C-alpha atoms as a PDB file:
ATOM      1  CA  MET A   1      55.343 -98.633   2.702  1.00  0.00           C
ATOM      2  CA  LYS A   2      55.317 -98.511   6.489  1.00  0.00           C
ATOM      3  CA  ALA A   3      57.796 -96.364   8.408  1.00  0.00           C
ATOM      4  CA  SER A   4      59.461 -99.352  10.062  1.00  0.00           C
ATOM      5  CA  ARG A   5      60.344-100.774   6.646  1.00  0.00           C
ATOM      6  CA  HIS A   6      61.821 -97.459   5.540  1.00  0.00           C
ATOM      7  CA  VAL A   7      64.024 -97.440   8.635  1.00  0.00           C
ATOM      8  CA  LEU A   8      65.226-100.954   7.766  1.00  0.00           C
ATOM      9  CA  ALA A   9      65.748 -99.958   4.124  1.00  0.00           C
ATOM     10  CA  ALA A  10      67.979 -97.073   5.225  1.00  0.00           C
ATOM     11  CA  ILE A  11      70.612 -99.509   6.520  1.00  0.00           C
ATOM     12  CA  PRO A  12      71.638-100.947   3.134  1.00  0.00           C
ATOM     13  CA  LEU A  13      71.561 -97.416   1.684  1.00  0.00           C
ATOM     14  CA  ALA A  14      74.123 -96.299   4.255  1.00  0.00           C
ATOM     15  CA  ALA A  15      76.191 -99.383   3.471  1.00  0.00           C
ATOM     16  CA  VAL A  16      76.137 -98.594  -0.263  1.00  0.00           C
ATOM     17  CA  VAL A  17      77.251 -95.001   0.387  1.00  0.00           C
ATOM     18  CA  LEU A  18      80.073 -96.211   2.627  1.00  0.00           C
ATOM     19  CA  ALA A  19      81.093 -98.868   0.083  1.00  0.00           C
ATOM     20  CA  ALA A  20      81.290 -96.105  -2.529  1.00  0.00           C
ATOM     21  CA  GLY A  21      83.985 -94.502  -0.400  1.00  0.00           C
ATOM     22  CA  ARG A  22      81.944 -91.651   1.026  1.00  0.00           C
ATOM     23  CA  PRO A  23      82.362 -90.636   4.675  1.00  0.00           C
ATOM     24  CA  LEU A  24      80.133 -91.902   7.470  1.00  0.00           C
ATOM     25  CA  SER A  25      78.522 -88.457   7.808  1.00  0.00           C
ATOM     26  CA  GLU A  26      77.247 -88.643   4.230  1.00  0.00           C
ATOM     27  CA  ALA A  27      76.018 -92.215   4.693  1.00  0.00           C
ATOM     28  CA  CYS A  28      74.085 -91.081   7.767  1.00  0.00           C
ATOM     29  CA  LEU A  29      72.705 -88.069   5.878  1.00  0.00           C
ATOM     30  CA  ALA A  30      71.425 -90.234   3.020  1.00  0.00           C
ATOM     31  CA  ALA A  31      69.898 -92.768   5.417  1.00  0.00           C
ATOM     32  CA  THR A  32      68.262 -90.049   7.508  1.00  0.00           C
ATOM     33  CA  ALA A  33      66.833 -88.280   4.453  1.00  0.00           C
ATOM     34  CA  SER A  34      65.415 -91.596   3.242  1.00  0.00           C
ATOM     35  CA  VAL A  35      63.340 -91.824   6.414  1.00  0.00           C
ATOM     36  CA  LEU A  36      62.531 -88.172   7.119  1.00  0.00           C
ATOM     37  CA  ILE A  37      60.916 -87.665   3.715  1.00  0.00           C
ATOM     38  CA  ASP A  38      57.866 -89.240   5.367  1.00  0.00           C
ATOM     39  CA  LEU A  39      57.357 -86.100   7.465  1.00  0.00           C
ATOM     40  CA  ASP A  40      55.114 -84.823   4.680  1.00  0.00           C
ATOM     41  CA  HIS A  41      52.526 -87.384   5.826  1.00  0.00           C
ATOM     42  CA  LEU A  42      52.175 -85.278   8.985  1.00  0.00           C
ATOM     43  CA  GLY A  43      51.159 -82.241   6.937  1.00  0.00           C
ATOM     44  CA  ASP A  44      48.560 -84.238   5.027  1.00  0.00           C
ATOM     45  CA  TYR A  45      47.222 -85.689   8.264  1.00  0.00           C
ATOM     46  CA  LEU A  46      46.871 -82.297   9.954  1.00  0.00           C
ATOM     47  CA  LEU A  47      45.195 -80.738   6.903  1.00  0.00           C
ATOM     48  CA  CYS A  48      42.786 -83.612   6.301  1.00  0.00           C
ATOM     49  CA  ARG A  49      41.928 -84.414   9.915  1.00  0.00           C
ATOM     50  CA  GLY A  50      41.837 -80.778  11.043  1.00  0.00           C
ATOM     51  CA  GLY A  51      44.109 -81.356  14.014  1.00  0.00           C
ATOM     52  CA  TRP A  52      46.117 -83.878  15.986  1.00  0.00           C
ATOM     53  CA  TYR A  53      44.274 -86.890  17.426  1.00  0.00           C
ATOM     54  CA  GLY A  54      47.231 -88.905  18.607  1.00  0.00           C
ATOM     55  CA  LEU A  55      49.936 -91.130  17.212  1.00  0.00           C
ATOM     56  CA  LYS A  56      47.652 -94.146  16.840  1.00  0.00           C
ATOM     57  CA  ASP A  57      45.143 -92.133  14.797  1.00  0.00           C
ATOM     58  CA  PHE A  58      47.954 -90.645  12.719  1.00  0.00           C
ATOM     59  CA  PHE A  59      49.395 -94.027  11.724  1.00  0.00           C
ATOM     60  CA  SER A  60      46.012 -95.659  11.134  1.00  0.00           C
ATOM     61  CA  SER A  61      44.776 -92.691   9.075  1.00  0.00           C
ATOM     62  CA  CYS A  62      47.866 -92.803   6.858  1.00  0.00           C
ATOM     63  CA  ASN A  63      48.309 -96.581   6.642  1.00  0.00           C
ATOM     64  CA  GLU A  64      44.633 -97.308   6.066  1.00  0.00           C
ATOM     65  CA  GLY A  65      44.154 -94.579   3.471  1.00  0.00           C
ATOM     66  CA  ARG A  66      41.688 -92.533   5.497  1.00  0.00           C
ATOM     67  CA  LEU A  67      42.882 -89.138   4.258  1.00  0.00           C
ATOM     68  CA  ASN A  68      40.748 -87.612   1.507  1.00  0.00           C
ATOM     69  CA  ARG A  69      43.645 -85.596   0.042  1.00  0.00           C
ATOM     70  CA  LEU A  70      47.183 -86.770  -0.717  1.00  0.00           C
ATOM     71  CA  TYR A  71      49.534 -83.822  -1.174  1.00  0.00           C
ATOM     72  CA  LEU A  72      52.722 -85.561   0.025  1.00  0.00           C
ATOM     73  CA  VAL A  73      54.814 -82.608  -1.084  1.00  0.00           C
ATOM     74  CA  LEU A  74      58.157 -84.383  -0.574  1.00  0.00           C
ATOM     75  CA  HIS A  75      57.126 -87.607  -2.343  1.00  0.00           C
ATOM     76  CA  ALA A  76      57.797 -86.346  -5.860  1.00  0.00           C
ATOM     77  CA  TRP A  77      60.228 -87.384  -8.558  1.00  0.00           C
ATOM     78  CA  GLU A  78      60.281 -83.730  -9.649  1.00  0.00           C
ATOM     79  CA  TRP A  79      62.257 -82.837  -6.487  1.00  0.00           C
ATOM     80  CA  ILE A  80      64.701 -85.652  -7.189  1.00  0.00           C
ATOM     81  CA  ILE A  81      65.393 -84.329 -10.681  1.00  0.00           C
ATOM     82  CA  LEU A  82      65.752 -80.725  -9.505  1.00  0.00           C
ATOM     83  CA  GLY A  83      67.847 -81.740  -6.508  1.00  0.00           C
ATOM     84  CA  LEU A  84      70.140 -83.879  -8.616  1.00  0.00           C
ATOM     85  CA  CYS A  85      70.678 -81.054 -11.111  1.00  0.00           C
ATOM     86  CA  ALA A  86      71.411 -78.612  -8.279  1.00  0.00           C
ATOM     87  CA  ALA A  87      73.778 -81.000  -6.479  1.00  0.00           C
ATOM     88  CA  LEU A  88      75.677 -81.695  -9.698  1.00  0.00           C
ATOM     89  CA  ALA A  89      75.804 -78.023 -10.696  1.00  0.00           C
ATOM     90  CA  TRP A  90      77.150 -76.957  -7.309  1.00  0.00           C
ATOM     91  CA  GLY A  91      79.215 -80.075  -6.670  1.00  0.00           C
ATOM     92  CA  PHE A  92      77.777 -80.169  -3.158  1.00  0.00           C
ATOM     93  CA  TRP A  93      77.914 -83.765  -1.903  1.00  0.00           C
ATOM     94  CA  PRO A  94      75.658 -83.342   1.158  1.00  0.00           C
ATOM     95  CA  ALA A  95      72.806 -82.167  -1.084  1.00  0.00           C
ATOM     96  CA  GLY A  96      73.469 -85.162  -3.305  1.00  0.00           C
ATOM     97  CA  MET A  97      73.158 -87.462  -0.297  1.00  0.00           C
ATOM     98  CA  VAL A  98      69.785 -85.939   0.636  1.00  0.00           C
ATOM     99  CA  VAL A  99      68.584 -86.425  -2.945  1.00  0.00           C
ATOM    100  CA  LEU A 100      69.918 -89.991  -2.932  1.00  0.00           C
ATOM    101  CA  GLY A 101      68.034 -90.735   0.299  1.00  0.00           C
ATOM    102  CA  MET A 102      64.814 -89.282  -1.079  1.00  0.00           C
ATOM    103  CA  ALA A 103      65.179 -91.228  -4.336  1.00  0.00           C
ATOM    104  CA  TRP A 104      65.849 -94.438  -2.386  1.00  0.00           C
ATOM    105  CA  HIS A 105      62.658 -93.889  -0.396  1.00  0.00           C
ATOM    106  CA  LEU A 106      60.574 -93.132  -3.491  1.00  0.00           C
ATOM    107  CA  ALA A 107      61.888 -96.202  -5.286  1.00  0.00           C
ATOM    108  CA  PHE A 108      60.840 -98.410  -2.378  1.00  0.00           C
ATOM    109  CA  ASP A 109      57.444 -96.708  -2.210  1.00  0.00           C
ATOM    110  CA  GLN A 110      56.969 -97.041  -5.966  1.00  0.00           C
ATOM    111  CA  VAL A 111      57.566-100.786  -5.826  1.00  0.00           C
ATOM    112  CA  GLY A 112      55.918-101.442  -2.458  1.00  0.00           C
ATOM    113  CA  ASN A 113      52.746 -99.464  -3.176  1.00  0.00           C
ATOM    114  CA  ARG A 114      52.275-100.312  -6.870  1.00  0.00           C
ATOM    115  CA  GLY A 115      49.127-102.309  -6.161  1.00  0.00           C
ATOM    116  CA  ILE A 116      47.638 -99.523  -4.041  1.00  0.00           C
ATOM    117  CA  VAL A 117      48.223 -96.269  -5.927  1.00  0.00           C
ATOM    118  CA  THR A 118      47.674 -95.331  -9.557  1.00  0.00           C
ATOM    119  CA  PRO A 119      50.536 -95.111 -12.059  1.00  0.00           C
ATOM    120  CA  GLY A 120      52.319 -91.789 -11.852  1.00  0.00           C
ATOM    121  CA  PHE A 121      51.349 -91.295  -8.211  1.00  0.00           C
ATOM    122  CA  TYR A 122      54.878 -90.297  -7.208  1.00  0.00           C
ATOM    123  CA  TRP A 123      54.855 -87.294  -9.538  1.00  0.00           C
ATOM    124  CA  ILE A 124      53.370 -84.273  -7.762  1.00  0.00           C
ATOM    125  CA  THR A 125      52.146 -82.918 -11.089  1.00  0.00           C
ATOM    126  CA  ARG A 126      50.054 -86.101 -11.508  1.00  0.00           C
ATOM    127  CA  ARG A 127      48.525 -85.693  -8.062  1.00  0.00           C
ATOM    128  CA  ALA A 128      47.874 -81.994  -8.739  1.00  0.00           C
ATOM    129  CA  ARG A 129      46.051 -82.842 -12.002  1.00  0.00           C
ATOM    130  CA  VAL A 130      43.394 -84.701 -10.019  1.00  0.00           C
ATOM    131  CA  GLY A 131      43.222 -82.094  -7.257  1.00  0.00           C
ATOM    132  CA  PHE A 132      45.150 -84.341  -4.831  1.00  0.00           C
ATOM    133  CA  ASP A 133      41.897 -86.313  -4.478  1.00  0.00           C
ATOM    134  CA  ALA A 134      42.704 -89.613  -2.754  1.00  0.00           C
ATOM    135  CA  TRP A 135      39.726 -91.317  -4.422  1.00  0.00           C
ATOM    136  CA  LYS A 136      41.349 -90.669  -7.806  1.00  0.00           C
ATOM    137  CA  LEU A 137      44.834 -91.669  -6.665  1.00  0.00           C
ATOM    138  CA  TYR A 138      44.156 -95.074  -5.123  1.00  0.00           C
ATOM    139  CA  ARG A 139      43.689 -98.017  -7.496  1.00  0.00           C
ATOM    140  CA  ASP A 140      40.677 -99.299  -5.571  1.00  0.00           C
ATOM    141  CA  PRO A 141      39.391 -96.615  -3.203  1.00  0.00           C
ATOM    142  CA  ALA A 142      36.564 -98.857  -1.990  1.00  0.00           C
ATOM    143  CA  LYS A 143      39.118-101.272  -0.521  1.00  0.00           C
ATOM    144  CA  ILE A 144      41.122 -98.484   1.110  1.00  0.00           C
ATOM    145  CA  TYR A 145      38.130 -96.707   2.605  1.00  0.00           C
ATOM    146  CA  ALA A 146      36.317 -99.862   3.733  1.00  0.00           C
END
């Protein structure tokens, strides 16, 4: 899903957090985390492209599937499970809001990208099993790399 859509999706998330009676600071934290999770695309870009070639190249490389490896270290349901357990164990609401934001983002990605990526894509262990090879993670790599 494109970054602009994640920014728009953060608005109803903040509204839900506020409606649940949480303070504005926590609503903002959840919304911000739901967008900033995409920073892991920058790491993939730099590793795969071997440097920075500008914002236009960054967005086209990511959106058009031109990266040969997809690590996306933050895009993983494993972190959601671990984060949720930690937040509940410590009773630390801000951590829970970060986890909520990340889960919100992943849910939108899971639905929005279901025709593009293989089942299980949003589990880092699944991506690791195929060596983070983009050709094995896209449903139809020929379409992506065309």
